[in-house]
Amino acid sequence: MAYSPGSHAGPFAVGMFADDTAAVGQREFAGLVAEGRVRAIGDSTAPLLADGDASMRRLAELAGELAGDAAGWRPLDGLRVLPPVRPGQILQSGANYRRHVIDLHVAEGGDRAEAEAIMDARAADGEPYLFAGLPSALCGPGDDVVLPIEGTKHDWELEIAVVIGRPARRVSPGDAMRYIAGYTICNDITTRDLVYRPDLDRIGTDWIRAKNRPTFLPTGPYLVPAAFIPDPQDLMITLRHNGVVRQDELAKDMIFDIPRLVSYASALVPLAPSDLLLTGSPAGNGAHWGVFLAPGDVMEAEITGLGRQRNFCVSERLDSNA
């Protein structure tokens, strides 16, 4: 089955695309997407974010021209969809879905009522948990995910990703939404049996080897402007593994909502246009089901209004001369 990026909220979205049939090499470009067609608008989506409201007005004008004149537009079919932004920073939120964390607590022998009380207290008075990701882990929403030879418990974690649109430093939760350009989809692949280092138990988690391998962050298909997503907490997050629904949860289950995450992140580091802030993954990952990714598996992921991903899993191929 050929990959289709699906529909998006609002009259248009933006993304990055590759025309692999171009006469001279592989041509990558930023594109405006409307009604299943694409219009080239530059080499990168970064200038659109830097120019903010003026860019959005111009994109709306261009999208409106499609109905009367299709010149300059081309079918989305036949283009390879790339991650829609090239982030300078990737910040990721862990343990941010209530049911997910409670289920983990119970699976480890804890009491459910006790876990619920802990989550209530954390939401009221606690702080989010953030860690850094690497841009080199990004791949497109229809690309193959390469499972490395290290580890066996390769797992999925579908997430809403916030795309920062303006420089942000120590913004309040009440102002945080003003700094968001839009939203996209990320699937934060994790090799569970490589998270903890038995040789360095006092240091804790090793997110480089467990999460940041090449292709371990399928991203896209689109950057959907924030204006077209009235309430991101209303988005439904759904992932199928080999056709079986594994994750299916509303973003309302977040412990720390998106304004609080943006505010907290901006208090730790300066945020810049194109930065990605991943908001955590709901219940239903492979560790919950006791099923992990293997070569030949397929993940089909969708978030309301943000489009669709479809990624095949393949084995890492090592150079015999290495």
C-alpha atoms as a PDB file:
ATOM      1  CA  MET A   1       0.000   0.000   0.000  1.00  0.00           C
ATOM      2  CA  ALA A   2       1.390   3.391  -0.993  1.00  0.00           C
ATOM      3  CA  TYR A   3       1.813   5.971   1.745  1.00  0.00           C
ATOM      4  CA  SER A   4      -0.788   8.759   1.861  1.00  0.00           C
ATOM      5  CA  PRO A   5      -0.281  11.694   4.261  1.00  0.00           C
ATOM      6  CA  GLY A   6      -4.014  12.092   4.814  1.00  0.00           C
ATOM      7  CA  SER A   7      -6.021  15.231   5.412  1.00  0.00           C
ATOM      8  CA  HIS A   8      -5.265  18.248   7.577  1.00  0.00           C
ATOM      9  CA  ALA A   9      -7.324  20.762   9.502  1.00  0.00           C
ATOM     10  CA  GLY A  10      -7.959  24.153   7.918  1.00  0.00           C
ATOM     11  CA  PRO A  11      -7.720  25.334   4.304  1.00  0.00           C
ATOM     12  CA  PHE A  12      -3.960  24.745   4.027  1.00  0.00           C
ATOM     13  CA  ALA A  13      -0.856  23.344   5.670  1.00  0.00           C
ATOM     14  CA  VAL A  14       2.848  23.551   4.897  1.00  0.00           C
ATOM     15  CA  GLY A  15       5.535  20.936   4.580  1.00  0.00           C
ATOM     16  CA  MET A  16       8.808  19.846   3.029  1.00  0.00           C
ATOM     17  CA  PHE A  17       8.865  17.620  -0.039  1.00  0.00           C
ATOM     18  CA  ALA A  18      11.337  15.882  -2.321  1.00  0.00           C
ATOM     19  CA  ASP A  19      10.905  15.378  -6.042  1.00  0.00           C
ATOM     20  CA  ASP A  20      12.974  12.275  -6.689  1.00  0.00           C
ATOM     21  CA  THR A  21      12.206  12.483 -10.425  1.00  0.00           C
ATOM     22  CA  ALA A  22      13.857  15.896 -10.800  1.00  0.00           C
ATOM     23  CA  ALA A  23      16.268  16.044 -13.717  1.00  0.00           C
ATOM     24  CA  VAL A  24      19.174  17.242 -11.587  1.00  0.00           C
ATOM     25  CA  GLY A  25      19.607  15.249  -8.416  1.00  0.00           C
ATOM     26  CA  GLN A  26      17.107  15.175  -5.590  1.00  0.00           C
ATOM     27  CA  ARG A  27      15.224  18.444  -5.312  1.00  0.00           C
ATOM     28  CA  GLU A  28      13.828  19.354  -1.888  1.00  0.00           C
ATOM     29  CA  PHE A  29      11.475  22.271  -1.372  1.00  0.00           C
ATOM     30  CA  ALA A  30       8.975  23.805   1.009  1.00  0.00           C
ATOM     31  CA  GLY A  31       5.397  23.493  -0.181  1.00  0.00           C
ATOM     32  CA  LEU A  32       1.975  24.916   0.523  1.00  0.00           C
ATOM     33  CA  VAL A  33      -0.595  22.083   0.661  1.00  0.00           C
ATOM     34  CA  ALA A  34      -4.259  22.640  -0.198  1.00  0.00           C
ATOM     35  CA  GLU A  35      -6.909  20.286  -1.559  1.00  0.00           C
ATOM     36  CA  GLY A  36      -4.399  17.523  -2.162  1.00  0.00           C
ATOM     37  CA  ARG A  37      -2.086  19.714  -4.258  1.00  0.00           C
ATOM     38  CA  VAL A  38       1.249  21.348  -3.531  1.00  0.00           C
ATOM     39  CA  ARG A  39       2.759  24.680  -4.544  1.00  0.00           C
ATOM     40  CA  ALA A  40       6.473  25.329  -4.055  1.00  0.00           C
ATOM     41  CA  ILE A  41       7.105  28.306  -1.767  1.00  0.00           C
ATOM     42  CA  GLY A  42      10.852  28.179  -1.139  1.00  0.00           C
ATOM     43  CA  ASP A  43      13.729  26.040   0.018  1.00  0.00           C
ATOM     44  CA  SER A  44      12.666  25.733   3.665  1.00  0.00           C
ATOM     45  CA  THR A  45       9.743  26.340   5.995  1.00  0.00           C
ATOM     46  CA  ALA A  46      12.020  28.282   8.370  1.00  0.00           C
ATOM     47  CA  PRO A  47      11.436  31.728   6.749  1.00  0.00           C
ATOM     48  CA  LEU A  48       7.690  31.226   7.078  1.00  0.00           C
ATOM     49  CA  LEU A  49       8.051  30.803  10.821  1.00  0.00           C
ATOM     50  CA  ALA A  50      10.419  33.734  11.165  1.00  0.00           C
ATOM     51  CA  ASP A  51       7.981  35.989   9.267  1.00  0.00           C
ATOM     52  CA  GLY A  52       5.023  34.862  11.354  1.00  0.00           C
ATOM     53  CA  ASP A  53       1.639  36.470  10.687  1.00  0.00           C
ATOM     54  CA  ALA A  54       2.674  38.045   7.382  1.00  0.00           C
ATOM     55  CA  SER A  55       3.581  34.623   5.993  1.00  0.00           C
ATOM     56  CA  MET A  56       0.297  33.121   7.125  1.00  0.00           C
ATOM     57  CA  ARG A  57      -1.647  35.882   5.358  1.00  0.00           C
ATOM     58  CA  ARG A  58       0.296  35.324   2.141  1.00  0.00           C
ATOM     59  CA  LEU A  59      -0.194  31.542   2.330  1.00  0.00           C
ATOM     60  CA  ALA A  60      -3.935  32.038   2.797  1.00  0.00           C
ATOM     61  CA  GLU A  61      -3.992  34.222  -0.326  1.00  0.00           C
ATOM     62  CA  LEU A  62      -2.101  31.592  -2.335  1.00  0.00           C
ATOM     63  CA  ALA A  63      -4.387  28.812  -1.129  1.00  0.00           C
ATOM     64  CA  GLY A  64      -7.397  30.882  -2.149  1.00  0.00           C
ATOM     65  CA  GLU A  65      -6.016  31.216  -5.678  1.00  0.00           C
ATOM     66  CA  LEU A  66      -6.118  27.441  -6.217  1.00  0.00           C
ATOM     67  CA  ALA A  67      -9.870  27.428  -6.892  1.00  0.00           C
ATOM     68  CA  GLY A  68      -9.522  29.864  -9.781  1.00  0.00           C
ATOM     69  CA  ASP A  69      -6.105  29.029 -11.196  1.00  0.00           C
ATOM     70  CA  ALA A  70      -4.232  25.742 -10.667  1.00  0.00           C
ATOM     71  CA  ALA A  71      -1.095  26.968 -12.452  1.00  0.00           C
ATOM     72  CA  GLY A  72       1.981  26.321 -10.325  1.00  0.00           C
ATOM     73  CA  TRP A  73       0.257  23.583  -8.325  1.00  0.00           C
ATOM     74  CA  ARG A  74       1.066  19.888  -8.625  1.00  0.00           C
ATOM     75  CA  PRO A  75      -0.461  16.692  -7.220  1.00  0.00           C
ATOM     76  CA  LEU A  76       0.788  15.612  -3.814  1.00  0.00           C
ATOM     77  CA  ASP A  77       1.010  12.077  -5.183  1.00  0.00           C
ATOM     78  CA  GLY A  78       4.472  11.410  -6.543  1.00  0.00           C
ATOM     79  CA  LEU A  79       6.294  13.623  -4.047  1.00  0.00           C
ATOM     80  CA  ARG A  80       8.179  12.217  -1.086  1.00  0.00           C
ATOM     81  CA  VAL A  81       7.082  13.830   2.170  1.00  0.00           C
ATOM     82  CA  LEU A  82       9.896  14.996   4.460  1.00  0.00           C
ATOM     83  CA  PRO A  83       9.791  16.275   8.065  1.00  0.00           C
ATOM     84  CA  PRO A  84       8.099  19.694   7.781  1.00  0.00           C
ATOM     85  CA  VAL A  85      10.701  21.575   9.845  1.00  0.00           C
ATOM     86  CA  ARG A  86      14.430  21.384  10.500  1.00  0.00           C
ATOM     87  CA  PRO A  87      14.571  22.038  14.233  1.00  0.00           C
ATOM     88  CA  GLY A  88      17.532  23.508  16.021  1.00  0.00           C
ATOM     89  CA  GLN A  89      16.325  21.929  19.264  1.00  0.00           C
ATOM     90  CA  ILE A  90      14.060  19.015  20.118  1.00  0.00           C
ATOM     91  CA  LEU A  91      12.662  18.910  23.649  1.00  0.00           C
ATOM     92  CA  GLN A  92      10.669  15.876  24.699  1.00  0.00           C
ATOM     93  CA  SER A  93       8.215  15.408  27.548  1.00  0.00           C
ATOM     94  CA  GLY A  94       8.215  12.106  29.404  1.00  0.00           C
ATOM     95  CA  ALA A  95       5.575  10.524  31.660  1.00  0.00           C
ATOM     96  CA  ASN A  96       2.963  13.113  30.688  1.00  0.00           C
ATOM     97  CA  TYR A  97      -0.204  11.042  30.197  1.00  0.00           C
ATOM     98  CA  ARG A  98      -2.203  10.212  33.289  1.00  0.00           C
ATOM     99  CA  ARG A  99      -3.541   6.775  32.309  1.00  0.00           C
ATOM    100  CA  HIS A 100      -0.185   5.746  30.886  1.00  0.00           C
ATOM    101  CA  VAL A 101       1.726   6.543  34.090  1.00  0.00           C
ATOM    102  CA  ILE A 102      -0.956   4.978  36.308  1.00  0.00           C
ATOM    103  CA  ASP A 103      -0.883   1.777  34.241  1.00  0.00           C
ATOM    104  CA  LEU A 104       2.909   1.622  34.599  1.00  0.00           C
ATOM    105  CA  HIS A 105       2.613   2.072  38.366  1.00  0.00           C
ATOM    106  CA  VAL A 106       0.049  -0.733  38.635  1.00  0.00           C
ATOM    107  CA  ALA A 107       2.089  -3.020  36.347  1.00  0.00           C
ATOM    108  CA  GLU A 108       4.987  -2.659  38.784  1.00  0.00           C
ATOM    109  CA  GLY A 109       2.791  -3.818  41.673  1.00  0.00           C
ATOM    110  CA  GLY A 110       1.484  -0.463  42.862  1.00  0.00           C
ATOM    111  CA  ASP A 111      -2.021   0.440  43.951  1.00  0.00           C
ATOM    112  CA  ARG A 112      -4.225   2.205  41.370  1.00  0.00           C
ATOM    113  CA  ALA A 113      -5.880   4.571  43.860  1.00  0.00           C
ATOM    114  CA  GLU A 114      -2.476   5.544  45.199  1.00  0.00           C
ATOM    115  CA  ALA A 115      -1.209   6.174  41.657  1.00  0.00           C
ATOM    116  CA  GLU A 116      -4.215   8.353  40.856  1.00  0.00           C
ATOM    117  CA  ALA A 117      -3.567  10.462  43.948  1.00  0.00           C
ATOM    118  CA  ILE A 118       0.088  10.865  42.986  1.00  0.00           C
ATOM    119  CA  MET A 119      -0.910  12.028  39.503  1.00  0.00           C
ATOM    120  CA  ASP A 120      -3.388  14.541  40.929  1.00  0.00           C
ATOM    121  CA  ALA A 121      -0.687  15.972  43.183  1.00  0.00           C
ATOM    122  CA  ARG A 122       1.836  16.075  40.346  1.00  0.00           C
ATOM    123  CA  ALA A 123      -0.588  17.910  38.051  1.00  0.00           C
ATOM    124  CA  ALA A 124      -1.364  20.458  40.766  1.00  0.00           C
ATOM    125  CA  ASP A 125       2.093  21.161  42.152  1.00  0.00           C
ATOM    126  CA  GLY A 126       4.698  19.257  40.124  1.00  0.00           C
ATOM    127  CA  GLU A 127       6.842  20.032  37.120  1.00  0.00           C
ATOM    128  CA  PRO A 128       7.054  18.405  33.679  1.00  0.00           C
ATOM    129  CA  TYR A 129       9.952  16.096  32.876  1.00  0.00           C
ATOM    130  CA  LEU A 130      11.841  17.166  29.736  1.00  0.00           C
ATOM    131  CA  PHE A 131      14.860  15.741  27.964  1.00  0.00           C
ATOM    132  CA  ALA A 132      16.644  16.573  24.709  1.00  0.00           C
ATOM    133  CA  GLY A 133      16.396  14.777  21.373  1.00  0.00           C
ATOM    134  CA  LEU A 134      18.643  14.899  18.323  1.00  0.00           C
ATOM    135  CA  PRO A 135      17.564  16.310  14.940  1.00  0.00           C
ATOM    136  CA  SER A 136      19.577  13.518  13.282  1.00  0.00           C
ATOM    137  CA  ALA A 137      16.929  11.030  14.469  1.00  0.00           C
ATOM    138  CA  LEU A 138      14.228  12.610  12.251  1.00  0.00           C
ATOM    139  CA  CYS A 139      12.842  10.845   9.207  1.00  0.00           C
ATOM    140  CA  GLY A 140       9.791  11.397   7.021  1.00  0.00           C
ATOM    141  CA  PRO A 141       6.265  10.203   7.850  1.00  0.00           C
ATOM    142  CA  GLY A 142       6.398   7.526   5.150  1.00  0.00           C
ATOM    143  CA  ASP A 143      10.034   6.458   5.513  1.00  0.00           C
ATOM    144  CA  ASP A 144      11.297   3.118   6.746  1.00  0.00           C
ATOM    145  CA  VAL A 145      12.261   2.889  10.412  1.00  0.00           C
ATOM    146  CA  VAL A 146      15.607   1.141  10.768  1.00  0.00           C
ATOM    147  CA  LEU A 147      15.797  -1.152  13.797  1.00  0.00           C
ATOM    148  CA  PRO A 148      19.383  -1.269  15.080  1.00  0.00           C
ATOM    149  CA  ILE A 149      21.180  -4.479  15.905  1.00  0.00           C
ATOM    150  CA  GLU A 150      21.499  -3.370  19.540  1.00  0.00           C
ATOM    151  CA  GLY A 151      18.463  -4.197  21.649  1.00  0.00           C
ATOM    152  CA  THR A 152      15.272  -6.093  20.867  1.00  0.00           C
ATOM    153  CA  LYS A 153      12.420  -4.206  22.553  1.00  0.00           C
ATOM    154  CA  HIS A 154      11.865  -1.470  19.968  1.00  0.00           C
ATOM    155  CA  ASP A 155       8.699   0.438  20.897  1.00  0.00           C
ATOM    156  CA  TRP A 156       6.408   3.152  19.539  1.00  0.00           C
ATOM    157  CA  GLU A 157       5.311   6.392  21.265  1.00  0.00           C
ATOM    158  CA  LEU A 158       3.000   8.564  19.154  1.00  0.00           C
ATOM    159  CA  GLU A 159       2.971  12.233  20.162  1.00  0.00           C
ATOM    160  CA  ILE A 160       1.668  15.679  19.285  1.00  0.00           C
ATOM    161  CA  ALA A 161       4.643  17.927  18.532  1.00  0.00           C
ATOM    162  CA  VAL A 162       4.480  21.678  19.059  1.00  0.00           C
ATOM    163  CA  VAL A 163       6.345  23.783  16.468  1.00  0.00           C
ATOM    164  CA  ILE A 164       7.680  26.990  18.002  1.00  0.00           C
ATOM    165  CA  GLY A 165       7.005  30.098  15.908  1.00  0.00           C
ATOM    166  CA  ARG A 166       8.588  32.956  17.874  1.00  0.00           C
ATOM    167  CA  PRO A 167      11.598  33.305  20.183  1.00  0.00           C
ATOM    168  CA  ALA A 168      10.386  32.417  23.665  1.00  0.00           C
ATOM    169  CA  ARG A 169      12.102  32.833  27.000  1.00  0.00           C
ATOM    170  CA  ARG A 170      10.345  32.523  30.373  1.00  0.00           C
ATOM    171  CA  VAL A 171       6.858  32.953  28.973  1.00  0.00           C
ATOM    172  CA  SER A 172       3.856  32.385  31.215  1.00  0.00           C
ATOM    173  CA  PRO A 173       1.325  29.607  30.597  1.00  0.00           C
ATOM    174  CA  GLY A 174      -1.216  32.321  29.833  1.00  0.00           C
ATOM    175  CA  ASP A 175       0.936  33.703  27.012  1.00  0.00           C
ATOM    176  CA  ALA A 176       2.444  30.435  25.787  1.00  0.00           C
ATOM    177  CA  MET A 177       0.018  29.767  22.932  1.00  0.00           C
ATOM    178  CA  ARG A 178       1.130  32.988  21.217  1.00  0.00           C
ATOM    179  CA  TYR A 179       4.549  31.422  20.624  1.00  0.00           C
ATOM    180  CA  ILE A 180       3.251  28.335  18.815  1.00  0.00           C
ATOM    181  CA  ALA A 181       3.340  28.327  15.000  1.00  0.00           C
ATOM    182  CA  GLY A 182       1.551  25.026  14.638  1.00  0.00           C
ATOM    183  CA  TYR A 183       1.563  21.305  15.274  1.00  0.00           C
ATOM    184  CA  THR A 184       2.859  18.152  13.676  1.00  0.00           C
ATOM    185  CA  ILE A 185       3.133  14.430  14.456  1.00  0.00           C
ATOM    186  CA  CYS A 186       6.150  12.645  15.928  1.00  0.00           C
ATOM    187  CA  ASN A 187       6.559   8.957  16.735  1.00  0.00           C
ATOM    188  CA  ASP A 188       9.275   8.702  19.370  1.00  0.00           C
ATOM    189  CA  ILE A 189      10.682   5.201  18.839  1.00  0.00           C
ATOM    190  CA  THR A 190      12.383   3.785  21.947  1.00  0.00           C
ATOM    191  CA  THR A 191      14.450   0.646  22.492  1.00  0.00           C
ATOM    192  CA  ARG A 192      13.240  -0.271  25.976  1.00  0.00           C
ATOM    193  CA  ASP A 193      16.030  -2.690  26.867  1.00  0.00           C
ATOM    194  CA  LEU A 194      18.633   0.025  26.231  1.00  0.00           C
ATOM    195  CA  VAL A 195      17.075   2.764  28.374  1.00  0.00           C
ATOM    196  CA  TYR A 196      18.954   1.879  31.566  1.00  0.00           C
ATOM    197  CA  ARG A 197      22.699   1.251  31.834  1.00  0.00           C
ATOM    198  CA  PRO A 198      23.543  -1.593  34.244  1.00  0.00           C
ATOM    199  CA  ASP A 199      27.145  -0.360  34.289  1.00  0.00           C
ATOM    200  CA  LEU A 200      26.068   3.159  35.329  1.00  0.00           C
ATOM    201  CA  ASP A 201      23.043   2.667  37.543  1.00  0.00           C
ATOM    202  CA  ARG A 202      23.502   5.966  39.395  1.00  0.00           C
ATOM    203  CA  ILE A 203      23.368   7.986  36.172  1.00  0.00           C
ATOM    204  CA  GLY A 204      19.937   6.722  35.074  1.00  0.00           C
ATOM    205  CA  THR A 205      18.508   6.757  31.560  1.00  0.00           C
ATOM    206  CA  ASP A 206      20.533   6.705  28.343  1.00  0.00           C
ATOM    207  CA  TRP A 207      18.316   8.490  25.810  1.00  0.00           C
ATOM    208  CA  ILE A 208      20.995   8.645  23.101  1.00  0.00           C
ATOM    209  CA  ARG A 209      21.226   4.891  22.560  1.00  0.00           C
ATOM    210  CA  ALA A 210      17.581   4.186  23.433  1.00  0.00           C
ATOM    211  CA  LYS A 211      15.749   6.954  21.536  1.00  0.00           C
ATOM    212  CA  ASN A 212      17.971   8.892  19.157  1.00  0.00           C
ATOM    213  CA  ARG A 213      19.017   6.372  16.512  1.00  0.00           C
ATOM    214  CA  PRO A 214      18.666   7.400  12.859  1.00  0.00           C
ATOM    215  CA  THR A 215      14.979   7.202  11.704  1.00  0.00           C
ATOM    216  CA  PHE A 216      13.754   6.830  15.306  1.00  0.00           C
ATOM    217  CA  LEU A 217      11.666  10.018  15.066  1.00  0.00           C
ATOM    218  CA  PRO A 218       9.236   9.858  12.122  1.00  0.00           C
ATOM    219  CA  THR A 219       7.928  13.429  11.834  1.00  0.00           C
ATOM    220  CA  GLY A 220       5.171  15.028   9.771  1.00  0.00           C
ATOM    221  CA  PRO A 221       3.531  15.034   7.331  1.00  0.00           C
ATOM    222  CA  TYR A 222       2.576  18.678   7.789  1.00  0.00           C
ATOM    223  CA  LEU A 223       2.990  21.733   9.905  1.00  0.00           C
ATOM    224  CA  VAL A 224      -0.653  22.605  10.550  1.00  0.00           C
ATOM    225  CA  PRO A 225      -0.993  26.258  11.642  1.00  0.00           C
ATOM    226  CA  ALA A 226      -2.113  26.731  15.217  1.00  0.00           C
ATOM    227  CA  ALA A 227      -5.035  28.877  14.024  1.00  0.00           C
ATOM    228  CA  PHE A 228      -6.616  25.726  12.524  1.00  0.00           C
ATOM    229  CA  ILE A 229      -6.390  23.719  15.781  1.00  0.00           C
ATOM    230  CA  PRO A 230      -8.715  25.549  18.219  1.00  0.00           C
ATOM    231  CA  ASP A 231      -7.903  23.230  21.145  1.00  0.00           C
ATOM    232  CA  PRO A 232      -4.952  20.842  20.780  1.00  0.00           C
ATOM    233  CA  GLN A 233      -6.082  18.993  23.901  1.00  0.00           C
ATOM    234  CA  ASP A 234      -9.091  17.798  21.861  1.00  0.00           C
ATOM    235  CA  LEU A 235      -6.925  15.889  19.369  1.00  0.00           C
ATOM    236  CA  MET A 236      -7.235  12.096  19.181  1.00  0.00           C
ATOM    237  CA  ILE A 237      -3.968  10.147  19.011  1.00  0.00           C
ATOM    238  CA  THR A 238      -4.256   6.749  17.281  1.00  0.00           C
ATOM    239  CA  LEU A 239      -1.582   4.207  16.374  1.00  0.00           C
ATOM    240  CA  ARG A 240      -2.031   0.817  14.732  1.00  0.00           C
ATOM    241  CA  HIS A 241       0.681  -1.834  14.806  1.00  0.00           C
ATOM    242  CA  ASN A 242       0.227  -4.415  12.047  1.00  0.00           C
ATOM    243  CA  GLY A 243      -3.414  -3.334  11.807  1.00  0.00           C
ATOM    244  CA  VAL A 244      -4.142  -3.628  15.549  1.00  0.00           C
ATOM    245  CA  VAL A 245      -5.086  -0.441  17.416  1.00  0.00           C
ATOM    246  CA  ARG A 246      -2.545   0.017  20.206  1.00  0.00           C
ATOM    247  CA  GLN A 247      -2.888   3.697  21.143  1.00  0.00           C
ATOM    248  CA  ASP A 248      -6.185   5.590  21.022  1.00  0.00           C
ATOM    249  CA  GLU A 249      -6.393   8.492  23.435  1.00  0.00           C
ATOM    250  CA  LEU A 250      -7.454  12.126  23.629  1.00  0.00           C
ATOM    251  CA  ALA A 251      -4.734  14.649  24.409  1.00  0.00           C
ATOM    252  CA  LYS A 252      -6.903  15.795  27.336  1.00  0.00           C
ATOM    253  CA  ASP A 253      -5.256  12.974  29.295  1.00  0.00           C
ATOM    254  CA  MET A 254      -2.023  15.010  29.495  1.00  0.00           C
ATOM    255  CA  ILE A 255      -0.888  15.720  33.040  1.00  0.00           C
ATOM    256  CA  PHE A 256       0.718  19.003  31.961  1.00  0.00           C
ATOM    257  CA  ASP A 257      -1.110  20.646  29.081  1.00  0.00           C
ATOM    258  CA  ILE A 258       0.579  22.336  26.143  1.00  0.00           C
ATOM    259  CA  PRO A 259       0.679  25.894  27.600  1.00  0.00           C
ATOM    260  CA  ARG A 260       2.358  24.578  30.759  1.00  0.00           C
ATOM    261  CA  LEU A 261       4.865  22.547  28.731  1.00  0.00           C
ATOM    262  CA  VAL A 262       5.823  25.530  26.546  1.00  0.00           C
ATOM    263  CA  SER A 263       6.136  27.775  29.583  1.00  0.00           C
ATOM    264  CA  TYR A 264       8.292  25.263  31.450  1.00  0.00           C
ATOM    265  CA  ALA A 265      10.522  24.589  28.435  1.00  0.00           C
ATOM    266  CA  SER A 266      11.054  28.311  27.872  1.00  0.00           C
ATOM    267  CA  ALA A 267      12.158  28.683  31.488  1.00  0.00           C
ATOM    268  CA  LEU A 268      14.877  26.080  30.945  1.00  0.00           C
ATOM    269  CA  VAL A 269      16.226  27.142  27.538  1.00  0.00           C
ATOM    270  CA  PRO A 270      15.552  29.873  24.956  1.00  0.00           C
ATOM    271  CA  LEU A 271      13.148  28.537  22.326  1.00  0.00           C
ATOM    272  CA  ALA A 272      13.492  29.535  18.673  1.00  0.00           C
ATOM    273  CA  PRO A 273      11.359  29.237  15.519  1.00  0.00           C
ATOM    274  CA  SER A 274      11.315  25.671  14.144  1.00  0.00           C
ATOM    275  CA  ASP A 275      12.156  24.101  17.521  1.00  0.00           C
ATOM    276  CA  LEU A 276      10.062  21.045  18.337  1.00  0.00           C
ATOM    277  CA  LEU A 277       8.475  20.324  21.716  1.00  0.00           C
ATOM    278  CA  LEU A 278       7.097  16.790  21.975  1.00  0.00           C
ATOM    279  CA  THR A 279       4.254  16.541  24.464  1.00  0.00           C
ATOM    280  CA  GLY A 280       4.414  12.904  25.609  1.00  0.00           C
ATOM    281  CA  SER A 281       2.751   9.690  24.537  1.00  0.00           C
ATOM    282  CA  PRO A 282      -0.495   8.143  25.800  1.00  0.00           C
ATOM    283  CA  ALA A 283      -1.102   4.649  27.105  1.00  0.00           C
ATOM    284  CA  GLY A 284      -0.772   1.689  24.771  1.00  0.00           C
ATOM    285  CA  ASN A 285       2.867   1.369  23.815  1.00  0.00           C
ATOM    286  CA  GLY A 286       4.479  -1.988  23.124  1.00  0.00           C
ATOM    287  CA  ALA A 287       5.699  -2.429  26.684  1.00  0.00           C
ATOM    288  CA  HIS A 288       2.056  -2.328  27.821  1.00  0.00           C
ATOM    289  CA  TRP A 289       0.982  -4.965  25.297  1.00  0.00           C
ATOM    290  CA  GLY A 290       4.118  -7.097  25.555  1.00  0.00           C
ATOM    291  CA  VAL A 291       4.637  -6.704  21.792  1.00  0.00           C
ATOM    292  CA  PHE A 292       7.570  -4.910  20.197  1.00  0.00           C
ATOM    293  CA  LEU A 293       8.610  -3.847  16.721  1.00  0.00           C
ATOM    294  CA  ALA A 294      10.287  -6.333  14.395  1.00  0.00           C
ATOM    295  CA  PRO A 295      11.473  -6.206  10.769  1.00  0.00           C
ATOM    296  CA  GLY A 296       8.466  -6.355   8.438  1.00  0.00           C
ATOM    297  CA  ASP A 297       6.116  -4.656  10.903  1.00  0.00           C
ATOM    298  CA  VAL A 298       4.160  -1.556   9.914  1.00  0.00           C
ATOM    299  CA  MET A 299       3.013   1.351  12.085  1.00  0.00           C
ATOM    300  CA  GLU A 300       0.054   3.454  10.936  1.00  0.00           C
ATOM    301  CA  ALA A 301      -0.395   6.608  12.974  1.00  0.00           C
ATOM    302  CA  GLU A 302      -2.896   9.442  12.860  1.00  0.00           C
ATOM    303  CA  ILE A 303      -3.684  12.506  14.959  1.00  0.00           C
ATOM    304  CA  THR A 304      -6.873  14.480  14.390  1.00  0.00           C
ATOM    305  CA  GLY A 305      -6.311  17.265  11.862  1.00  0.00           C
ATOM    306  CA  LEU A 306      -2.551  16.707  11.600  1.00  0.00           C
ATOM    307  CA  GLY A 307      -2.411  13.971   8.979  1.00  0.00           C
ATOM    308  CA  ARG A 308      -1.134  10.417   8.880  1.00  0.00           C
ATOM    309  CA  GLN A 309       2.098   8.428   9.063  1.00  0.00           C
ATOM    310  CA  ARG A 310       2.887   4.953   7.725  1.00  0.00           C
ATOM    311  CA  ASN A 311       6.280   3.466   8.507  1.00  0.00           C
ATOM    312  CA  PHE A 312       7.685   0.024   7.737  1.00  0.00           C
ATOM    313  CA  CYS A 313      10.289  -1.467  10.041  1.00  0.00           C
ATOM    314  CA  VAL A 314      13.477  -2.855   8.491  1.00  0.00           C
ATOM    315  CA  SER A 315      16.667  -4.361   9.874  1.00  0.00           C
ATOM    316  CA  GLU A 316      19.821  -2.303  10.065  1.00  0.00           C
ATOM    317  CA  ARG A 317      22.228  -3.297   7.294  1.00  0.00           C
ATOM    318  CA  LEU A 318      25.869  -3.185   8.276  1.00  0.00           C
ATOM    319  CA  ASP A 319      28.642  -2.491   5.810  1.00  0.00           C
ATOM    320  CA  SER A 320      30.593  -5.743   5.452  1.00  0.00           C
ATOM    321  CA  ASN A 321      33.784  -3.685   5.112  1.00  0.00           C
ATOM    322  CA  ALA A 322      33.235  -1.794   8.370  1.00  0.00           C
END
